[in-house]
Amino acid sequence: MDKLKVYLAGGWFNPEQKKILDEIEKLLLKYDNLLVYSPRKQTQFKSGTKPTREICEIVFNNNIVAIEDCDIMIASTEGKDMGTVFEIGVAYQLSKPIIAIYFHNESFNLMLEEAAIGGVARNIEQLIYILSFIKIIGLKEYLSGYANSFRYQGLTE
């Protein structure tokens, strides 16, 4: 069975974002059916520095190619990072299934909610459940029969 190519979107620009992304990356490593592209791990410059124009173009283009090439996007919406929101939009436009991570009890953004056709994980246990489901029955079967049960059910902003 081929590995699913996962694009892991999410900000890492404050301690809470970093903590959640660390937790998700650690979890994804446990799944032998996943090949994960994490911009944080693959990027060519350190956040908070001033990269050259050439480095910016390389990073941007590499991330776009990785989104085009992925089978599914997992996106941490912690902190509503603008880059993550952009990546979700690109993935949605390319008809890539998206699983959003939203660990809060506040309202969730309507556009992100609708783009997350793979579901919204409200805690790490739900993400484990979704990933285990995908591993057992496959992505196509999960999307066609089970993903709707993980759609966001809370307040919308």
N, C-alpha and C. Protein backbone atom coordinates (compact mmCIF):
# COMPACT_ATOMS: atom_id res chain seq x y z
N MET A 1 0.84 -1.19 0.00
CA MET A 1 0.00 0.00 0.00
C MET A 1 0.89 1.25 0.00
N ASP A 2 0.60 2.18 -0.91
CA ASP A 2 1.35 3.42 -0.97
C ASP A 2 1.07 4.28 0.26
N LYS A 3 2.08 5.03 0.64
CA LYS A 3 1.91 5.95 1.75
C LYS A 3 1.11 7.16 1.30
N LEU A 4 0.27 7.67 2.19
CA LEU A 4 -0.45 8.91 1.91
C LEU A 4 0.49 10.08 2.13
N LYS A 5 0.49 10.99 1.18
CA LYS A 5 1.30 12.20 1.30
C LYS A 5 0.49 13.25 2.04
N VAL A 6 0.99 13.65 3.18
CA VAL A 6 0.32 14.62 4.04
C VAL A 6 1.08 15.94 4.01
N TYR A 7 0.36 17.02 3.78
CA TYR A 7 0.92 18.36 3.93
C TYR A 7 0.45 18.87 5.28
N LEU A 8 1.37 19.12 6.18
CA LEU A 8 1.02 19.60 7.52
C LEU A 8 1.15 21.11 7.56
N ALA A 9 0.02 21.79 7.57
CA ALA A 9 -0.01 23.25 7.62
C ALA A 9 -0.22 23.69 9.06
N GLY A 10 0.39 24.78 9.42
CA GLY A 10 0.19 25.33 10.76
C GLY A 10 1.29 26.29 11.12
N GLY A 11 0.93 27.31 11.86
CA GLY A 11 1.91 28.28 12.31
C GLY A 11 2.74 27.73 13.46
N TRP A 12 3.91 28.28 13.62
CA TRP A 12 4.78 27.91 14.74
C TRP A 12 5.43 29.17 15.31
N PHE A 13 4.67 30.25 15.28
CA PHE A 13 5.23 31.56 15.56
C PHE A 13 4.97 32.07 16.97
N ASN A 14 4.26 31.29 17.78
CA ASN A 14 4.12 31.60 19.20
C ASN A 14 4.15 30.27 19.97
N PRO A 15 4.33 30.31 21.27
CA PRO A 15 4.50 29.06 22.02
C PRO A 15 3.31 28.09 21.89
N GLU A 16 2.10 28.59 21.86
CA GLU A 16 0.93 27.70 21.75
C GLU A 16 0.88 27.02 20.38
N GLN A 17 1.12 27.79 19.32
CA GLN A 17 1.15 27.20 17.97
C GLN A 17 2.25 26.14 17.88
N LYS A 18 3.42 26.46 18.39
CA LYS A 18 4.55 25.53 18.34
C LYS A 18 4.23 24.25 19.12
N LYS A 19 3.64 24.39 20.28
CA LYS A 19 3.31 23.23 21.12
C LYS A 19 2.35 22.29 20.37
N ILE A 20 1.32 22.85 19.77
CA ILE A 20 0.35 22.03 19.04
C ILE A 20 0.99 21.38 17.82
N LEU A 21 1.78 22.13 17.07
CA LEU A 21 2.43 21.56 15.89
C LEU A 21 3.42 20.46 16.28
N ASP A 22 4.15 20.67 17.38
CA ASP A 22 5.06 19.62 17.89
C ASP A 22 4.28 18.34 18.18
N GLU A 23 3.14 18.50 18.84
CA GLU A 23 2.31 17.35 19.22
C GLU A 23 1.78 16.61 17.97
N ILE A 24 1.33 17.38 16.99
CA ILE A 24 0.82 16.77 15.75
C ILE A 24 1.94 16.07 14.99
N GLU A 25 3.09 16.73 14.86
CA GLU A 25 4.22 16.11 14.15
C GLU A 25 4.65 14.81 14.82
N LYS A 26 4.72 14.83 16.14
CA LYS A 26 5.09 13.62 16.89
C LYS A 26 4.07 12.50 16.65
N LEU A 27 2.80 12.85 16.63
CA LEU A 27 1.75 11.87 16.37
C LEU A 27 1.86 11.29 14.96
N LEU A 28 2.04 12.15 13.97
CA LEU A 28 2.08 11.69 12.58
C LEU A 28 3.24 10.73 12.33
N LEU A 29 4.33 10.87 13.07
CA LEU A 29 5.47 9.97 12.91
C LEU A 29 5.12 8.53 13.30
N LYS A 30 4.08 8.36 14.09
CA LYS A 30 3.67 7.02 14.54
C LYS A 30 2.92 6.24 13.47
N TYR A 31 2.50 6.90 12.40
CA TYR A 31 1.72 6.25 11.35
C TYR A 31 2.62 5.90 10.18
N ASP A 32 2.81 4.60 9.98
CA ASP A 32 3.71 4.15 8.92
C ASP A 32 3.09 4.28 7.53
N ASN A 33 1.82 4.64 7.47
CA ASN A 33 1.16 4.83 6.17
C ASN A 33 1.19 6.28 5.70
N LEU A 34 1.89 7.15 6.44
CA LEU A 34 1.92 8.57 6.10
C LEU A 34 3.33 9.03 5.75
N LEU A 35 3.42 9.87 4.73
CA LEU A 35 4.65 10.55 4.36
C LEU A 35 4.36 12.04 4.55
N VAL A 36 4.97 12.65 5.54
CA VAL A 36 4.59 14.00 5.96
C VAL A 36 5.57 15.06 5.45
N TYR A 37 4.99 16.10 4.84
CA TYR A 37 5.73 17.30 4.47
C TYR A 37 5.31 18.38 5.45
N SER A 38 6.25 18.86 6.24
CA SER A 38 5.99 19.93 7.20
C SER A 38 6.84 21.14 6.81
N PRO A 39 6.22 22.22 6.35
CA PRO A 39 7.00 23.40 5.96
C PRO A 39 7.98 23.85 7.05
N ARG A 40 7.58 23.68 8.29
CA ARG A 40 8.46 24.07 9.40
C ARG A 40 9.76 23.28 9.36
N LYS A 41 9.67 22.02 8.99
CA LYS A 41 10.86 21.16 8.95
C LYS A 41 11.61 21.32 7.63
N GLN A 42 10.89 21.61 6.55
CA GLN A 42 11.53 21.69 5.24
C GLN A 42 11.95 23.10 4.83
N THR A 43 11.57 24.11 5.59
CA THR A 43 11.87 25.48 5.21
C THR A 43 13.38 25.75 5.24
N GLN A 44 13.80 26.76 4.51
CA GLN A 44 15.22 27.04 4.37
C GLN A 44 15.66 28.29 5.13
N PHE A 45 14.84 28.79 5.97
CA PHE A 45 15.26 29.92 6.78
C PHE A 45 14.54 29.88 8.12
N LYS A 46 15.10 30.54 9.09
CA LYS A 46 14.55 30.55 10.44
C LYS A 46 13.51 31.67 10.54
N SER A 47 12.37 31.33 11.15
CA SER A 47 11.32 32.32 11.37
C SER A 47 11.88 33.53 12.12
N GLY A 48 11.43 34.71 11.73
CA GLY A 48 11.88 35.93 12.39
C GLY A 48 13.13 36.53 11.78
N THR A 49 13.68 35.87 10.76
CA THR A 49 14.84 36.42 10.08
C THR A 49 14.40 37.05 8.77
N LYS A 50 15.30 37.77 8.14
CA LYS A 50 14.99 38.40 6.85
C LYS A 50 15.67 37.58 5.75
N PRO A 51 14.91 36.67 5.12
CA PRO A 51 15.51 35.87 4.05
C PRO A 51 15.64 36.70 2.77
N THR A 52 16.48 36.22 1.88
CA THR A 52 16.63 36.88 0.59
C THR A 52 15.38 36.64 -0.25
N ARG A 53 15.22 37.44 -1.28
CA ARG A 53 14.10 37.28 -2.23
C ARG A 53 14.13 35.89 -2.83
N GLU A 54 15.32 35.39 -3.18
CA GLU A 54 15.46 34.07 -3.79
C GLU A 54 15.01 32.97 -2.83
N ILE A 55 15.38 33.09 -1.57
CA ILE A 55 14.96 32.08 -0.57
C ILE A 55 13.44 32.11 -0.42
N CYS A 56 12.84 33.29 -0.37
CA CYS A 56 11.38 33.40 -0.26
C CYS A 56 10.70 32.70 -1.43
N GLU A 57 11.20 32.93 -2.63
CA GLU A 57 10.61 32.30 -3.82
C GLU A 57 10.75 30.79 -3.77
N ILE A 58 11.90 30.30 -3.34
CA ILE A 58 12.13 28.85 -3.25
C ILE A 58 11.18 28.22 -2.24
N VAL A 59 11.09 28.82 -1.06
CA VAL A 59 10.22 28.27 -0.01
C VAL A 59 8.77 28.28 -0.47
N PHE A 60 8.33 29.42 -1.01
CA PHE A 60 6.95 29.53 -1.49
C PHE A 60 6.65 28.47 -2.54
N ASN A 61 7.50 28.37 -3.55
CA ASN A 61 7.28 27.41 -4.63
C ASN A 61 7.34 25.97 -4.14
N ASN A 62 8.27 25.65 -3.24
CA ASN A 62 8.34 24.30 -2.69
C ASN A 62 7.07 23.94 -1.93
N ASN A 63 6.54 24.89 -1.18
CA ASN A 63 5.31 24.63 -0.44
C ASN A 63 4.12 24.44 -1.38
N ILE A 64 4.03 25.24 -2.42
CA ILE A 64 2.94 25.09 -3.39
C ILE A 64 3.03 23.73 -4.07
N VAL A 65 4.22 23.33 -4.48
CA VAL A 65 4.40 22.02 -5.12
C VAL A 65 4.02 20.90 -4.14
N ALA A 66 4.39 21.05 -2.88
CA ALA A 66 4.05 20.02 -1.88
C ALA A 66 2.53 19.94 -1.68
N ILE A 67 1.84 21.07 -1.72
CA ILE A 67 0.38 21.05 -1.61
C ILE A 67 -0.21 20.37 -2.84
N GLU A 68 0.30 20.72 -4.01
CA GLU A 68 -0.19 20.08 -5.24
C GLU A 68 0.02 18.57 -5.21
N ASP A 69 1.09 18.14 -4.61
CA ASP A 69 1.48 16.73 -4.60
C ASP A 69 0.83 15.92 -3.46
N CYS A 70 0.29 16.59 -2.46
CA CYS A 70 -0.21 15.86 -1.30
C CYS A 70 -1.53 15.15 -1.60
N ASP A 71 -1.81 14.12 -0.80
CA ASP A 71 -3.09 13.42 -0.86
C ASP A 71 -4.10 14.05 0.09
N ILE A 72 -3.59 14.63 1.17
CA ILE A 72 -4.44 15.23 2.19
C ILE A 72 -3.65 16.29 2.93
N MET A 73 -4.35 17.32 3.40
CA MET A 73 -3.73 18.34 4.24
C MET A 73 -4.29 18.20 5.65
N ILE A 74 -3.40 18.28 6.61
CA ILE A 74 -3.79 18.40 8.01
C ILE A 74 -3.35 19.79 8.42
N ALA A 75 -4.29 20.59 8.91
CA ALA A 75 -4.01 22.01 9.15
C ALA A 75 -4.37 22.42 10.57
N SER A 76 -3.38 22.84 11.32
CA SER A 76 -3.62 23.41 12.64
C SER A 76 -4.06 24.85 12.46
N THR A 77 -5.25 25.17 12.92
CA THR A 77 -5.76 26.53 12.78
C THR A 77 -5.48 27.37 14.03
N GLU A 78 -4.66 26.85 14.93
CA GLU A 78 -4.29 27.57 16.14
C GLU A 78 -3.72 28.94 15.78
N GLY A 79 -4.30 29.98 16.32
CA GLY A 79 -3.82 31.33 16.11
C GLY A 79 -4.18 31.93 14.78
N LYS A 80 -4.92 31.20 13.96
CA LYS A 80 -5.35 31.68 12.64
C LYS A 80 -4.20 32.32 11.87
N ASP A 81 -3.11 31.57 11.78
CA ASP A 81 -1.93 32.00 11.04
C ASP A 81 -2.30 32.26 9.59
N MET A 82 -1.90 33.43 9.05
CA MET A 82 -2.28 33.81 7.69
C MET A 82 -1.71 32.86 6.64
N GLY A 83 -0.50 32.38 6.84
CA GLY A 83 0.08 31.44 5.89
C GLY A 83 -0.71 30.14 5.85
N THR A 84 -1.15 29.66 7.00
CA THR A 84 -1.95 28.44 7.07
C THR A 84 -3.28 28.63 6.38
N VAL A 85 -3.91 29.77 6.60
CA VAL A 85 -5.19 30.05 5.94
C VAL A 85 -4.99 30.07 4.42
N PHE A 86 -3.91 30.66 3.96
CA PHE A 86 -3.59 30.66 2.52
C PHE A 86 -3.41 29.23 2.01
N GLU A 87 -2.64 28.43 2.74
CA GLU A 87 -2.40 27.04 2.33
C GLU A 87 -3.70 26.24 2.27
N ILE A 88 -4.59 26.46 3.22
CA ILE A 88 -5.89 25.79 3.20
C ILE A 88 -6.65 26.18 1.94
N GLY A 89 -6.62 27.46 1.59
CA GLY A 89 -7.30 27.93 0.38
C GLY A 89 -6.74 27.29 -0.88
N VAL A 90 -5.43 27.18 -0.95
CA VAL A 90 -4.80 26.53 -2.11
C VAL A 90 -5.23 25.07 -2.17
N ALA A 91 -5.14 24.36 -1.05
CA ALA A 91 -5.51 22.95 -1.03
C ALA A 91 -6.98 22.76 -1.41
N TYR A 92 -7.84 23.62 -0.90
CA TYR A 92 -9.26 23.51 -1.23
C TYR A 92 -9.48 23.72 -2.73
N GLN A 93 -8.84 24.72 -3.28
CA GLN A 93 -8.98 25.01 -4.72
C GLN A 93 -8.50 23.85 -5.57
N LEU A 94 -7.53 23.10 -5.05
CA LEU A 94 -6.99 21.93 -5.76
C LEU A 94 -7.77 20.65 -5.43
N SER A 95 -8.88 20.79 -4.71
CA SER A 95 -9.73 19.65 -4.31
C SER A 95 -8.99 18.64 -3.44
N LYS A 96 -8.10 19.14 -2.60
CA LYS A 96 -7.40 18.28 -1.65
C LYS A 96 -8.24 18.19 -0.38
N PRO A 97 -8.43 16.99 0.16
CA PRO A 97 -9.16 16.90 1.43
C PRO A 97 -8.34 17.53 2.56
N ILE A 98 -9.04 18.21 3.44
CA ILE A 98 -8.39 18.93 4.53
C ILE A 98 -9.01 18.49 5.85
N ILE A 99 -8.16 18.14 6.80
CA ILE A 99 -8.58 17.91 8.18
C ILE A 99 -8.07 19.11 8.96
N ALA A 100 -8.97 19.86 9.55
CA ALA A 100 -8.58 21.02 10.35
C ALA A 100 -8.46 20.60 11.81
N ILE A 101 -7.52 21.22 12.49
CA ILE A 101 -7.32 21.01 13.92
C ILE A 101 -7.81 22.28 14.60
N TYR A 102 -8.78 22.13 15.49
CA TYR A 102 -9.32 23.29 16.20
C TYR A 102 -9.65 22.86 17.62
N PHE A 103 -8.76 23.15 18.57
CA PHE A 103 -8.86 22.64 19.93
C PHE A 103 -9.60 23.58 20.88
N HIS A 104 -10.28 24.59 20.37
CA HIS A 104 -10.92 25.58 21.24
C HIS A 104 -12.43 25.41 21.28
N ASN A 105 -13.05 26.05 22.25
CA ASN A 105 -14.51 26.00 22.38
C ASN A 105 -15.19 27.22 21.78
N GLU A 106 -14.40 28.18 21.31
CA GLU A 106 -14.99 29.36 20.70
C GLU A 106 -15.53 29.00 19.31
N SER A 107 -16.16 29.97 18.68
CA SER A 107 -16.69 29.73 17.34
C SER A 107 -15.54 29.54 16.34
N PHE A 108 -15.84 28.81 15.28
CA PHE A 108 -14.87 28.48 14.24
C PHE A 108 -15.25 29.25 12.98
N ASN A 109 -14.27 29.59 12.16
CA ASN A 109 -14.50 30.35 10.95
C ASN A 109 -15.28 29.54 9.92
N LEU A 110 -16.32 30.13 9.37
CA LEU A 110 -17.19 29.46 8.39
C LEU A 110 -16.42 28.97 7.17
N MET A 111 -15.51 29.77 6.64
CA MET A 111 -14.77 29.37 5.44
C MET A 111 -13.85 28.18 5.72
N LEU A 112 -13.18 28.20 6.88
CA LEU A 112 -12.33 27.07 7.24
C LEU A 112 -13.16 25.83 7.52
N GLU A 113 -14.29 26.04 8.16
CA GLU A 113 -15.21 24.93 8.45
C GLU A 113 -15.66 24.24 7.17
N GLU A 114 -16.04 24.99 6.18
CA GLU A 114 -16.52 24.42 4.93
C GLU A 114 -15.39 23.79 4.10
N ALA A 115 -14.19 24.34 4.22
CA ALA A 115 -13.06 23.78 3.47
C ALA A 115 -12.60 22.45 4.06
N ALA A 116 -12.86 22.23 5.33
CA ALA A 116 -12.37 21.03 6.03
C ALA A 116 -13.28 19.83 5.75
N ILE A 117 -13.26 19.37 4.49
CA ILE A 117 -14.14 18.25 4.12
C ILE A 117 -13.68 16.94 4.74
N GLY A 118 -12.46 16.90 5.25
CA GLY A 118 -11.97 15.71 5.94
C GLY A 118 -12.33 15.70 7.42
N GLY A 119 -12.94 16.78 7.89
CA GLY A 119 -13.37 16.85 9.28
C GLY A 119 -12.58 17.88 10.06
N VAL A 120 -13.04 18.08 11.29
CA VAL A 120 -12.38 18.98 12.23
C VAL A 120 -12.10 18.20 13.50
N ALA A 121 -10.83 18.04 13.84
CA ALA A 121 -10.46 17.36 15.08
C ALA A 121 -10.45 18.39 16.20
N ARG A 122 -11.23 18.13 17.23
CA ARG A 122 -11.36 19.08 18.36
C ARG A 122 -10.35 18.80 19.47
N ASN A 123 -9.65 17.67 19.39
CA ASN A 123 -8.60 17.32 20.35
C ASN A 123 -7.71 16.27 19.70
N ILE A 124 -6.61 15.97 20.33
CA ILE A 124 -5.64 15.05 19.75
C ILE A 124 -6.24 13.64 19.62
N GLU A 125 -7.12 13.28 20.54
CA GLU A 125 -7.76 11.96 20.48
C GLU A 125 -8.63 11.83 19.23
N GLN A 126 -9.33 12.88 18.85
CA GLN A 126 -10.13 12.83 17.62
C GLN A 126 -9.23 12.71 16.40
N LEU A 127 -8.10 13.40 16.40
CA LEU A 127 -7.17 13.30 15.28
C LEU A 127 -6.64 11.86 15.18
N ILE A 128 -6.30 11.26 16.31
CA ILE A 128 -5.85 9.86 16.33
C ILE A 128 -6.94 8.96 15.75
N TYR A 129 -8.17 9.19 16.15
CA TYR A 129 -9.29 8.37 15.67
C TYR A 129 -9.44 8.51 14.15
N ILE A 130 -9.41 9.72 13.66
CA ILE A 130 -9.55 9.97 12.22
C ILE A 130 -8.40 9.29 11.45
N LEU A 131 -7.17 9.49 11.92
CA LEU A 131 -6.02 8.91 11.23
C LEU A 131 -6.05 7.38 11.27
N SER A 132 -6.50 6.83 12.37
CA SER A 132 -6.61 5.37 12.48
C SER A 132 -7.67 4.85 11.53
N PHE A 133 -8.77 5.55 11.44
CA PHE A 133 -9.84 5.20 10.50
C PHE A 133 -9.31 5.19 9.07
N ILE A 134 -8.58 6.23 8.70
CA ILE A 134 -8.01 6.34 7.36
C ILE A 134 -7.03 5.19 7.10
N LYS A 135 -6.23 4.86 8.10
CA LYS A 135 -5.25 3.78 7.94
C LYS A 135 -5.96 2.45 7.69
N ILE A 136 -7.05 2.22 8.37
CA ILE A 136 -7.76 0.93 8.26
C ILE A 136 -8.55 0.82 6.97
N ILE A 137 -9.33 1.86 6.64
CA ILE A 137 -10.25 1.72 5.49
C ILE A 137 -9.79 2.47 4.24
N GLY A 138 -8.77 3.31 4.37
CA GLY A 138 -8.29 4.08 3.23
C GLY A 138 -8.93 5.46 3.17
N LEU A 139 -8.21 6.38 2.54
CA LEU A 139 -8.66 7.77 2.46
C LEU A 139 -9.95 7.92 1.67
N LYS A 140 -10.02 7.28 0.52
CA LYS A 140 -11.20 7.42 -0.34
C LYS A 140 -12.46 6.95 0.39
N GLU A 141 -12.38 5.81 1.05
CA GLU A 141 -13.53 5.28 1.77
C GLU A 141 -13.90 6.16 2.96
N TYR A 142 -12.87 6.67 3.66
CA TYR A 142 -13.13 7.58 4.78
C TYR A 142 -13.88 8.81 4.30
N LEU A 143 -13.41 9.41 3.21
CA LEU A 143 -14.04 10.64 2.71
C LEU A 143 -15.45 10.40 2.22
N SER A 144 -15.70 9.25 1.61
CA SER A 144 -17.02 9.01 1.04
C SER A 144 -18.04 8.55 2.08
N GLY A 145 -17.58 8.00 3.20
CA GLY A 145 -18.57 7.47 4.12
C GLY A 145 -18.50 7.93 5.56
N TYR A 146 -17.38 8.48 5.98
CA TYR A 146 -17.22 8.74 7.42
C TYR A 146 -16.83 10.17 7.77
N ALA A 147 -16.23 10.89 6.85
CA ALA A 147 -15.72 12.23 7.15
C ALA A 147 -16.82 13.18 7.63
N ASN A 148 -18.03 13.02 7.10
CA ASN A 148 -19.12 13.91 7.51
C ASN A 148 -19.42 13.84 9.00
N SER A 149 -19.13 12.70 9.63
CA SER A 149 -19.38 12.59 11.06
C SER A 149 -18.37 13.43 11.87
N PHE A 150 -17.31 13.89 11.23
CA PHE A 150 -16.33 14.74 11.90
C PHE A 150 -16.42 16.20 11.46
N ARG A 151 -17.48 16.56 10.77
CA ARG A 151 -17.66 17.97 10.39
C ARG A 151 -17.88 18.79 11.64
N TYR A 152 -17.51 20.04 11.59
CA TYR A 152 -17.63 20.94 12.74
C TYR A 152 -19.11 21.15 13.07
N GLN A 153 -19.43 21.05 14.36
CA GLN A 153 -20.82 21.18 14.82
C GLN A 153 -21.04 22.36 15.76
N GLY A 154 -20.04 23.18 15.97
CA GLY A 154 -20.16 24.26 16.94
C GLY A 154 -20.60 25.58 16.33
N LEU A 155 -20.36 26.64 17.07
CA LEU A 155 -20.71 27.99 16.63
C LEU A 155 -19.78 28.42 15.50
N THR A 156 -20.34 29.20 14.60
CA THR A 156 -19.58 29.68 13.44
C THR A 156 -19.43 31.19 13.52
N GLU A 157 -18.27 31.66 13.08
CA GLU A 157 -18.05 33.11 13.03
C GLU A 157 -17.98 33.57 11.60
